[in-house]
PDB file of all heavy atoms in Angstrom:
ATOM      1  N   LEU A   1     101.966 101.527 121.061  1.00  0.00           N
ATOM      2  CA  LEU A   1     101.865 101.648 122.516  1.00  0.00           C
ATOM      3  C   LEU A   1     100.599 102.368 122.946  1.00  0.00           C
ATOM      4  O   LEU A   1     100.268 102.397 124.136  1.00  0.00           O
ATOM      5  CB  LEU A   1     103.090 102.387 123.066  1.00  0.00           C
ATOM      6  CG  LEU A   1     104.447 101.695 122.867  1.00  0.00           C
ATOM      7  CD1 LEU A   1     105.573 102.567 123.386  1.00  0.00           C
ATOM      8  CD2 LEU A   1     104.459 100.338 123.569  1.00  0.00           C
ATOM      9  N   THR A   2      99.908 103.000 122.008  1.00  0.00           N
ATOM     10  CA  THR A   2      98.684 103.728 122.345  1.00  0.00           C
ATOM     11  C   THR A   2      97.485 103.094 121.659  1.00  0.00           C
ATOM     12  O   THR A   2      97.614 102.419 120.632  1.00  0.00           O
ATOM     13  CB  THR A   2      98.789 105.198 121.913  1.00  0.00           C
ATOM     14  OG1 THR A   2      99.065 105.270 120.510  1.00  0.00           O
ATOM     15  CG2 THR A   2      99.886 105.913 122.690  1.00  0.00           C
ATOM     16  N   ALA A   3      96.301 103.314 122.220  1.00  0.00           N
ATOM     17  CA  ALA A   3      95.078 102.699 121.714  1.00  0.00           C
ATOM     18  C   ALA A   3      94.736 103.194 120.313  1.00  0.00           C
ATOM     19  O   ALA A   3      95.005 104.346 119.952  1.00  0.00           O
ATOM     20  CB  ALA A   3      93.913 103.002 122.664  1.00  0.00           C
ATOM     21  N   ASN A   4      94.166 102.283 119.532  1.00  0.00           N
ATOM     22  CA  ASN A   4      93.668 102.590 118.187  1.00  0.00           C
ATOM     23  C   ASN A   4      94.753 103.066 117.228  1.00  0.00           C
ATOM     24  O   ASN A   4      94.485 103.802 116.276  1.00  0.00           O
ATOM     25  CB  ASN A   4      92.537 103.623 118.231  1.00  0.00           C
ATOM     26  CG  ASN A   4      91.337 103.123 119.014  1.00  0.00           C
ATOM     27  OD1 ASN A   4      90.892 101.986 118.836  1.00  0.00           O
ATOM     28  ND2 ASN A   4      90.819 103.958 119.898  1.00  0.00           N
ATOM     29  N   THR A   5      95.992 102.665 117.483  1.00  0.00           N
ATOM     30  CA  THR A   5      97.070 102.949 116.537  1.00  0.00           C
ATOM     31  C   THR A   5      97.727 101.627 116.150  1.00  0.00           C
ATOM     32  O   THR A   5      97.969 100.776 117.011  1.00  0.00           O
ATOM     33  CB  THR A   5      98.145 103.879 117.146  1.00  0.00           C
ATOM     34  OG1 THR A   5      98.635 103.304 118.351  1.00  0.00           O
ATOM     35  CG2 THR A   5      97.582 105.253 117.442  1.00  0.00           C
ATOM     36  N   PRO A   6      98.004 101.445 114.873  1.00  0.00           N
ATOM     37  CA  PRO A   6      98.584 100.168 114.420  1.00  0.00           C
ATOM     38  C   PRO A   6     100.081 100.095 114.711  1.00  0.00           C
ATOM     39  O   PRO A   6     100.724 101.105 115.015  1.00  0.00           O
ATOM     40  CB  PRO A   6      98.310 100.184 112.919  1.00  0.00           C
ATOM     41  CG  PRO A   6      98.264 101.634 112.548  1.00  0.00           C
ATOM     42  CD  PRO A   6      97.708 102.355 113.749  1.00  0.00           C
ATOM     43  N   ASP A   7     100.627  98.880 114.602  1.00  0.00           N
ATOM     44  CA  ASP A   7     102.076  98.705 114.672  1.00  0.00           C
ATOM     45  C   ASP A   7     102.698  99.391 113.456  1.00  0.00           C
ATOM     46  O   ASP A   7     101.991  99.813 112.526  1.00  0.00           O
ATOM     47  CB  ASP A   7     102.418  97.223 114.678  1.00  0.00           C
ATOM     48  CG  ASP A   7     101.726  96.480 115.814  1.00  0.00           C
ATOM     49  OD1 ASP A   7     101.583  97.068 116.895  1.00  0.00           O
ATOM     50  OD2 ASP A   7     101.300  95.322 115.609  1.00  0.00           O
ATOM     51  N   SER A   8     104.024  99.510 113.448  1.00  0.00           N
ATOM     52  CA  SER A   8     104.645 100.254 112.347  1.00  0.00           C
ATOM     53  C   SER A   8     105.925  99.577 111.850  1.00  0.00           C
ATOM     54  O   SER A   8     106.594  98.844 112.583  1.00  0.00           O
ATOM     55  CB  SER A   8     104.970 101.685 112.785  1.00  0.00           C
ATOM     56  OG  SER A   8     105.921 101.685 113.836  1.00  0.00           O
ATOM     57  N   ILE A   9     106.238  99.854 110.583  1.00  0.00           N
ATOM     58  CA  ILE A   9     107.504  99.500 109.956  1.00  0.00           C
ATOM     59  C   ILE A   9     108.010 100.752 109.258  1.00  0.00           C
ATOM     60  O   ILE A   9     107.269 101.372 108.472  1.00  0.00           O
ATOM     61  CB  ILE A   9     107.333  98.349 108.935  1.00  0.00           C
ATOM     62  CG1 ILE A   9     106.960  97.044 109.638  1.00  0.00           C
ATOM     63  CG2 ILE A   9     108.604  98.162 108.111  1.00  0.00           C
ATOM     64  CD1 ILE A   9     106.682  95.886 108.694  1.00  0.00           C
ATOM     65  N   LEU A  10     109.233 101.160 109.573  1.00  0.00           N
ATOM     66  CA  LEU A  10     109.813 102.383 109.019  1.00  0.00           C
ATOM     67  C   LEU A  10     108.901 103.583 109.281  1.00  0.00           C
ATOM     68  O   LEU A  10     108.717 104.455 108.423  1.00  0.00           O
ATOM     69  CB  LEU A  10     110.073 102.222 107.509  1.00  0.00           C
ATOM     70  CG  LEU A  10     111.037 101.093 107.118  1.00  0.00           C
ATOM     71  CD1 LEU A  10     111.120 100.940 105.612  1.00  0.00           C
ATOM     72  CD2 LEU A  10     112.424 101.361 107.708  1.00  0.00           C
ATOM     73  N   ASN A  11     108.300 103.592 110.462  1.00  0.00           N
ATOM     74  CA  ASN A  11     107.405 104.668 110.907  1.00  0.00           C
ATOM     75  C   ASN A  11     106.133 104.797 110.085  1.00  0.00           C
ATOM     76  O   ASN A  11     105.465 105.834 110.140  1.00  0.00           O
ATOM     77  CB  ASN A  11     108.153 106.018 110.915  1.00  0.00           C
ATOM     78  CG  ASN A  11     109.248 106.060 111.975  1.00  0.00           C
ATOM     79  OD1 ASN A  11     109.064 105.563 113.083  1.00  0.00           O
ATOM     80  ND2 ASN A  11     110.388 106.630 111.623  1.00  0.00           N
ATOM     81  N   ARG A  12     105.783 103.762 109.326  1.00  0.00           N
ATOM     82  CA  ARG A  12     104.509 103.759 108.602  1.00  0.00           C
ATOM     83  C   ARG A  12     103.633 102.641 109.160  1.00  0.00           C
ATOM     84  O   ARG A  12     104.132 101.558 109.520  1.00  0.00           O
ATOM     85  CB  ARG A  12     104.711 103.553 107.098  1.00  0.00           C
ATOM     86  CG  ARG A  12     105.554 104.612 106.391  1.00  0.00           C
ATOM     87  CD  ARG A  12     105.088 106.024 106.694  1.00  0.00           C
ATOM     88  NE  ARG A  12     103.660 106.223 106.433  1.00  0.00           N
ATOM     89  CZ  ARG A  12     102.924 107.184 107.013  1.00  0.00           C
ATOM     90  NH1 ARG A  12     103.467 107.980 107.901  1.00  0.00           N
ATOM     91  NH2 ARG A  12     101.654 107.293 106.719  1.00  0.00           N
ATOM     92  N   PRO A  13     102.313 102.876 109.263  1.00  0.00           N
ATOM     93  CA  PRO A  13     101.418 101.884 109.871  1.00  0.00           C
ATOM     94  C   PRO A  13     101.438 100.535 109.149  1.00  0.00           C
ATOM     95  O   PRO A  13     101.616 100.477 107.927  1.00  0.00           O
ATOM     96  CB  PRO A  13     100.033 102.542 109.756  1.00  0.00           C
ATOM     97  CG  PRO A  13     100.316 104.004 109.601  1.00  0.00           C
ATOM     98  CD  PRO A  13     101.605 104.091 108.857  1.00  0.00           C
ATOM     99  N   VAL A  14     101.245  99.474 109.923  1.00  0.00           N
ATOM    100  CA  VAL A  14     101.180  98.109 109.370  1.00  0.00           C
ATOM    101  C   VAL A  14      99.800  97.525 109.663  1.00  0.00           C
ATOM    102  O   VAL A  14      99.353  97.532 110.801  1.00  0.00           O
ATOM    103  CB  VAL A  14     102.252  97.193 109.991  1.00  0.00           C
ATOM    104  CG1 VAL A  14     102.154  95.784 109.402  1.00  0.00           C
ATOM    105  CG2 VAL A  14     103.637  97.761 109.755  1.00  0.00           C
ATOM    106  N   HIS A  15      99.133  97.034 108.634  1.00  0.00           N
ATOM    107  CA  HIS A  15      97.847  96.362 108.783  1.00  0.00           C
ATOM    108  C   HIS A  15      97.989  94.945 108.242  1.00  0.00           C
ATOM    109  O   HIS A  15      98.731  94.703 107.283  1.00  0.00           O
ATOM    110  CB  HIS A  15      96.747  97.106 108.007  1.00  0.00           C
ATOM    111  CG  HIS A  15      96.523  98.502 108.500  1.00  0.00           C
ATOM    112  ND1 HIS A  15      95.683  98.801 109.546  1.00  0.00           N
ATOM    113  CD2 HIS A  15      97.049  99.692 108.091  1.00  0.00           C
ATOM    114  CE1 HIS A  15      95.684 100.107 109.759  1.00  0.00           C
ATOM    115  NE2 HIS A  15      96.507 100.668 108.893  1.00  0.00           N
ATOM    116  N   THR A  16      97.278  94.033 108.858  1.00  0.00           N
ATOM    117  CA  THR A  16      97.361  92.634 108.430  1.00  0.00           C
ATOM    118  C   THR A  16      96.000  92.131 107.989  1.00  0.00           C
ATOM    119  O   THR A  16      94.955  92.595 108.455  1.00  0.00           O
ATOM    120  CB  THR A  16      97.889  91.731 109.559  1.00  0.00           C
ATOM    121  OG1 THR A  16      96.998  91.792 110.673  1.00  0.00           O
ATOM    122  CG2 THR A  16      99.270  92.159 109.985  1.00  0.00           C
ATOM    123  N   SER A  17      96.033  91.168 107.079  1.00  0.00           N
ATOM    124  CA  SER A  17      94.806  90.523 106.604  1.00  0.00           C
ATOM    125  C   SER A  17      95.122  89.085 106.237  1.00  0.00           C
ATOM    126  O   SER A  17      96.175  88.796 105.656  1.00  0.00           O
ATOM    127  CB  SER A  17      94.238  91.256 105.379  1.00  0.00           C
ATOM    128  OG  SER A  17      93.188  90.502 104.784  1.00  0.00           O
ATOM    129  N   ALA A  18      94.192  88.209 106.555  1.00  0.00           N
ATOM    130  CA  ALA A  18      94.351  86.793 106.214  1.00  0.00           C
ATOM    131  C   ALA A  18      94.275  86.574 104.715  1.00  0.00           C
ATOM    132  O   ALA A  18      94.655  85.506 104.230  1.00  0.00           O
ATOM    133  CB  ALA A  18      93.282  85.971 106.919  1.00  0.00           C
ATOM    134  N   TYR A  19      93.789  87.580 103.971  1.00  0.00           N
ATOM    135  CA  TYR A  19      93.594  87.409 102.532  1.00  0.00           C
ATOM    136  C   TYR A  19      94.766  87.920 101.700  1.00  0.00           C
ATOM    137  O   TYR A  19      94.750  87.795 100.481  1.00  0.00           O
ATOM    138  CB  TYR A  19      92.293  88.104 102.097  1.00  0.00           C
ATOM    139  CG  TYR A  19      91.092  87.551 102.825  1.00  0.00           C
ATOM    140  CD1 TYR A  19      90.443  88.274 103.809  1.00  0.00           C
ATOM    141  CD2 TYR A  19      90.652  86.256 102.575  1.00  0.00           C
ATOM    142  CE1 TYR A  19      89.364  87.749 104.502  1.00  0.00           C
ATOM    143  CE2 TYR A  19      89.573  85.720 103.265  1.00  0.00           C
ATOM    144  CZ  TYR A  19      88.944  86.473 104.219  1.00  0.00           C
ATOM    145  OH  TYR A  19      87.876  85.945 104.910  1.00  0.00           O
ATOM    146  N   VAL A  20      95.777  88.494 102.354  1.00  0.00           N
ATOM    147  CA  VAL A  20      96.996  88.858 101.638  1.00  0.00           C
ATOM    148  C   VAL A  20      97.819  87.589 101.453  1.00  0.00           C
ATOM    149  O   VAL A  20      97.992  86.817 102.401  1.00  0.00           O
ATOM    150  CB  VAL A  20      97.796  89.908 102.428  1.00  0.00           C
ATOM    151  CG1 VAL A  20      99.132  90.198 101.726  1.00  0.00           C
ATOM    152  CG2 VAL A  20      96.989  91.192 102.579  1.00  0.00           C
ATOM    153  N   PRO A  21      98.343  87.330 100.255  1.00  0.00           N
ATOM    154  CA  PRO A  21      99.134  86.106 100.035  1.00  0.00           C
ATOM    155  C   PRO A  21     100.320  86.008 100.997  1.00  0.00           C
ATOM    156  O   PRO A  21     100.931  87.011 101.361  1.00  0.00           O
ATOM    157  CB  PRO A  21      99.607  86.258  98.583  1.00  0.00           C
ATOM    158  CG  PRO A  21      98.594  87.161  97.947  1.00  0.00           C
ATOM    159  CD  PRO A  21      98.173  88.126  99.017  1.00  0.00           C
ATOM    160  N   THR A  22     100.622  84.802 101.402  1.00  0.00           N
ATOM    161  CA  THR A  22     101.786  84.559 102.271  1.00  0.00           C
ATOM    162  C   THR A  22     103.041  84.452 101.413  1.00  0.00           C
ATOM    163  O   THR A  22     102.987  84.397 100.178  1.00  0.00           O
ATOM    164  CB  THR A  22     101.609  83.267 103.082  1.00  0.00           C
ATOM    165  OG1 THR A  22     101.362  82.176 102.172  1.00  0.00           O
ATOM    166  CG2 THR A  22     100.429  83.392 104.041  1.00  0.00           C
ATOM    167  N   ILE A  23     104.196  84.435 102.068  1.00  0.00           N
ATOM    168  CA  ILE A  23     105.483  84.326 101.353  1.00  0.00           C
ATOM    169  C   ILE A  23     105.565  82.968 100.669  1.00  0.00           C
ATOM    170  O   ILE A  23     105.523  81.929 101.333  1.00  0.00           O
ATOM    171  CB  ILE A  23     106.658  84.517 102.325  1.00  0.00           C
ATOM    172  CG1 ILE A  23     106.633  85.920 102.928  1.00  0.00           C
ATOM    173  CG2 ILE A  23     107.987  84.276 101.610  1.00  0.00           C
ATOM    174  CD1 ILE A  23     107.703  86.155 103.982  1.00  0.00           C
ATOM    175  N   ALA A  24     105.657  82.993  99.355  1.00  0.00           N
ATOM    176  CA  ALA A  24     105.764  81.766  98.553  1.00  0.00           C
ATOM    177  C   ALA A  24     106.312  82.147  97.191  1.00  0.00           C
ATOM    178  O   ALA A  24     106.315  83.324  96.810  1.00  0.00           O
ATOM    179  CB  ALA A  24     104.403  81.074  98.417  1.00  0.00           C
ATOM    180  N   ALA A  25     106.798  81.178  96.462  1.00  0.00           N
ATOM    181  CA  ALA A  25     107.397  81.429  95.154  1.00  0.00           C
ATOM    182  C   ALA A  25     106.423  82.171  94.233  1.00  0.00           C
ATOM    183  O   ALA A  25     105.306  81.713  94.001  1.00  0.00           O
ATOM    184  CB  ALA A  25     107.812  80.109  94.505  1.00  0.00           C
ATOM    185  N   GLY A  26     106.860  83.329  93.751  1.00  0.00           N
ATOM    186  CA  GLY A  26     106.063  84.112  92.809  1.00  0.00           C
ATOM    187  C   GLY A  26     104.938  84.916  93.430  1.00  0.00           C
ATOM    188  O   GLY A  26     104.255  85.676  92.733  1.00  0.00           O
ATOM    189  N   ALA A  27     104.714  84.799  94.736  1.00  0.00           N
ATOM    190  CA  ALA A  27     103.594  85.472  95.390  1.00  0.00           C
ATOM    191  C   ALA A  27     103.916  86.949  95.642  1.00  0.00           C
ATOM    192  O   ALA A  27     105.067  87.326  95.873  1.00  0.00           O
ATOM    193  CB  ALA A  27     103.259  84.787  96.712  1.00  0.00           C
ATOM    194  N   LYS A  28     102.886  87.770  95.593  1.00  0.00           N
ATOM    195  CA  LYS A  28     103.007  89.174  95.982  1.00  0.00           C
ATOM    196  C   LYS A  28     102.626  89.245  97.456  1.00  0.00           C
ATOM    197  O   LYS A  28     101.460  89.165  97.808  1.00  0.00           O
ATOM    198  CB  LYS A  28     102.092  90.037  95.118  1.00  0.00           C
ATOM    199  CG  LYS A  28     102.471  90.019  93.642  1.00  0.00           C
ATOM    200  CD  LYS A  28     101.467  90.779  92.794  1.00  0.00           C
ATOM    201  CE  LYS A  28     101.867  90.752  91.321  1.00  0.00           C
ATOM    202  NZ  LYS A  28     100.868  91.432  90.458  1.00  0.00           N
ATOM    203  N   SER A  29     103.624  89.390  98.307  1.00  0.00           N
ATOM    204  CA  SER A  29     103.419  89.178  99.741  1.00  0.00           C
ATOM    205  C   SER A  29     103.265  90.450 100.572  1.00  0.00           C
ATOM    206  O   SER A  29     102.781  90.380 101.700  1.00  0.00           O
ATOM    207  CB  SER A  29     104.576  88.343 100.306  1.00  0.00           C
ATOM    208  OG  SER A  29     105.824  88.974 100.021  1.00  0.00           O
ATOM    209  N   VAL A  30     103.689  91.595 100.052  1.00  0.00           N
ATOM    210  CA  VAL A  30     103.604  92.851 100.808  1.00  0.00           C
ATOM    211  C   VAL A  30     103.131  93.961  99.874  1.00  0.00           C
ATOM    212  O   VAL A  30     103.591  94.060  98.735  1.00  0.00           O
ATOM    213  CB  VAL A  30     104.975  93.249 101.418  1.00  0.00           C
ATOM    214  CG1 VAL A  30     104.838  94.536 102.231  1.00  0.00           C
ATOM    215  CG2 VAL A  30     105.531  92.130 102.282  1.00  0.00           C
ATOM    216  N   ALA A  31     102.222  94.788 100.369  1.00  0.00           N
ATOM    217  CA  ALA A  31     101.784  95.972  99.628  1.00  0.00           C
ATOM    218  C   ALA A  31     102.117  97.208 100.455  1.00  0.00           C
ATOM    219  O   ALA A  31     101.982  97.199 101.681  1.00  0.00           O
ATOM    220  CB  ALA A  31     100.299  95.911  99.332  1.00  0.00           C
TER     221      ALA A  31
END
């Protein structure tokens, strides 16, 4: 809700990148 702060999951920041593998068989999808 405030500028220059990322969204969160379980109160920890979430960052996104097009180069992180998507959900697929055997893929590592979340770090």
